């Protein structure tokens, strides 16, 4: 398996969980603290911590600390994994479009 395929697998596995998809939706709006994410997603802080760890490991989110307080963790989306996912979806869509066009052509000939 190629490295690109492994990254795509990690991204899809992370997004398979509805709580992690909710975190991604929230982070699309703006960066947020872990406590904010937990509250808005209706999760306990330990549960949110586990989900954020998974999202960090697959590269979907990154954490930073503001200059004024190194104890605060702010999470934001990283675009690269989504770009790879979008590219894969586009390639898959092209393949299905070609298959459907070939089927249409076959049916029209027959």
Protein backbone atom coordinates (compact mmCIF):
# COMPACT_ATOMS: atom_id res chain seq x y z
CA UNK A 1 0.00 0.00 0.00
CA UNK A 2 1.34 3.42 -0.91
CA UNK A 3 1.83 6.21 1.61
CA UNK A 4 -0.92 8.23 -0.08
CA UNK A 5 -3.35 5.31 0.24
CA UNK A 6 -2.44 4.87 3.90
CA UNK A 7 -3.07 8.59 4.58
CA UNK A 8 -6.42 8.39 2.81
CA UNK A 9 -7.36 5.33 4.89
CA UNK A 10 -6.49 7.22 8.08
CA UNK A 11 -8.56 10.23 7.01
CA UNK A 12 -11.58 8.10 6.12
CA UNK A 13 -11.30 6.10 9.36
CA UNK A 14 -11.16 9.31 11.41
CA UNK A 15 -14.16 10.78 9.58
CA UNK A 16 -16.19 7.58 10.05
CA UNK A 17 -17.04 8.69 13.59
CA UNK A 18 -19.95 11.18 13.81
CA UNK A 19 -18.37 13.05 16.76
CA UNK A 20 -15.16 13.63 14.82
CA UNK A 21 -17.15 14.80 11.78
CA UNK A 22 -18.91 17.26 14.11
CA UNK A 23 -15.53 18.54 15.32
CA UNK A 24 -14.47 19.07 11.69
CA UNK A 25 -17.72 20.95 11.02
CA UNK A 26 -17.12 23.19 14.04
CA UNK A 27 -13.51 23.84 13.06
CA UNK A 28 -14.59 24.79 9.54
CA UNK A 29 -16.15 27.88 11.09
CA UNK A 30 -13.07 28.91 13.12
CA UNK A 31 -10.30 27.55 15.39
CA UNK A 32 -11.54 26.58 18.86
CA UNK A 33 -10.32 25.45 22.25
CA UNK A 34 -10.84 21.83 23.25
CA UNK A 35 -13.32 22.81 25.97
CA UNK A 36 -15.40 24.75 23.45
CA UNK A 37 -15.42 21.79 21.09
CA UNK A 38 -16.46 19.40 23.87
CA UNK A 39 -19.29 21.68 24.98
CA UNK A 40 -20.61 22.29 21.46
CA UNK A 41 -20.36 18.61 20.51
CA UNK A 42 -21.99 17.48 23.76
CA UNK A 43 -18.99 15.39 24.85
CA UNK A 44 -17.05 15.11 28.07
CA UNK A 45 -13.55 16.62 28.04
CA UNK A 46 -11.87 13.17 28.18
CA UNK A 47 -13.96 11.94 25.23
CA UNK A 48 -13.14 15.08 23.25
CA UNK A 49 -9.47 14.61 24.06
CA UNK A 50 -9.56 11.10 22.54
CA UNK A 51 -11.29 12.36 19.39
CA UNK A 52 -8.84 15.25 19.02
CA UNK A 53 -5.91 12.86 19.44
CA UNK A 54 -7.27 10.73 16.57
CA UNK A 55 -7.80 13.80 14.38
CA UNK A 56 -4.27 15.04 15.14
CA UNK A 57 -2.70 11.65 14.39
CA UNK A 58 -4.25 11.50 10.93
CA UNK A 59 -3.31 15.13 10.29
CA UNK A 60 -6.81 16.60 9.99
CA UNK A 61 -6.27 19.05 12.85
CA UNK A 62 -3.33 20.77 14.46
CA UNK A 63 -3.02 22.32 17.87
CA UNK A 64 -1.39 25.59 18.78
CA UNK A 65 -1.05 27.66 21.92
CA UNK A 66 -1.63 31.39 22.01
CA UNK A 67 1.38 33.49 23.00
CA UNK A 68 -0.35 34.75 26.14
CA UNK A 69 -1.00 31.30 27.69
CA UNK A 70 0.90 28.13 26.75
CA UNK A 71 -1.59 26.02 28.76
CA UNK A 72 -4.42 26.78 26.34
CA UNK A 73 -4.71 24.53 23.30
CA UNK A 74 -6.43 25.86 20.18
CA UNK A 75 -7.34 23.45 17.40
CA UNK A 76 -7.71 24.23 13.70
CA UNK A 77 -8.17 22.25 10.51
CA UNK A 78 -5.29 21.36 8.23
CA UNK A 79 -6.29 21.44 4.54
CA UNK A 80 -3.91 18.78 3.18
CA UNK A 81 -5.86 15.64 4.19
CA UNK A 82 -9.07 17.09 2.76
CA UNK A 83 -7.29 17.95 -0.50
CA UNK A 84 -6.14 14.33 -0.80
CA UNK A 85 -9.66 13.09 -0.02
CA UNK A 86 -11.18 15.45 -2.59
CA UNK A 87 -8.66 14.32 -5.23
CA UNK A 88 -9.54 10.67 -4.54
CA UNK A 89 -13.28 11.41 -4.77
CA UNK A 90 -12.80 13.25 -8.07
CA UNK A 91 -10.84 10.32 -9.52
CA UNK A 92 -13.51 7.89 -8.36
CA UNK A 93 -16.27 10.06 -9.83
CA UNK A 94 -14.43 10.21 -13.17
CA UNK A 95 -14.17 6.41 -13.23
CA UNK A 96 -17.90 5.98 -12.53
CA UNK A 97 -18.81 8.62 -15.11
CA UNK A 98 -16.74 6.78 -17.72
CA UNK A 99 -18.40 3.48 -16.76
CA UNK A 100 -21.89 4.98 -17.01
CA UNK A 101 -21.09 6.58 -20.35
CA UNK A 102 -19.82 3.25 -21.69
CA UNK A 103 -22.99 1.55 -20.42
CA UNK A 104 -25.19 4.22 -22.04
CA UNK A 105 -23.35 3.78 -25.34
CA UNK A 106 -23.78 0.00 -25.12
CA UNK A 107 -27.52 0.28 -24.42
CA UNK A 108 -28.08 2.79 -27.23
CA UNK A 109 -26.31 0.48 -29.74
CA UNK A 110 -28.36 -2.51 -28.69
